[in-house]
């Protein structure tokens, strides 16, 4: 049996689901990056998601996207920095949701949770083609220069049509 060191994030490089999607950058309200990203992807107001969607539950995010013809599909990723995934992600030339840990020190990411279950901060951004839509800044920038490239990966999702065979 062979041992694999890594895998592609998506099995088919020629799939294109949302290349032509028009996204307008939005600035998040307070610490609500998930709500802001959902708002950018659906056109609904951010307030529609604040205190409604669990920020730590991607299934809840995907359920909201399904109401708008989209859903999340898990991409196999580990905790390496996003810079190691970015060339492949940009090559897919489509739509992704990138989640990363905000500390740069990997020891902070691996600490035990406090009495409330908190370990460390994280952030969610949208990658569309070669641009990162960052709700913390309310702007879109080239993916290869965005600060997320130096951060450790928490989750990577491809955004697929709601009727796609793959997804959550």
Foldseek 3Di string as FASTA:
>chain_A
DDDDPDDQQDDDLADAAALPDDFAFAADDPPQQLLRVLCRLAVDDSVVDVVPADPVDQVSSQVSVLVRFKGWFFGDDFFAQCLVVLVSVLSSQYKKKFKFFPDLDVVQVPDAADPVRDRGHMHIWMDHNQWIRGNNVRDIDGNNPDPSRSTTTDTMIGMHGSPDPGHD
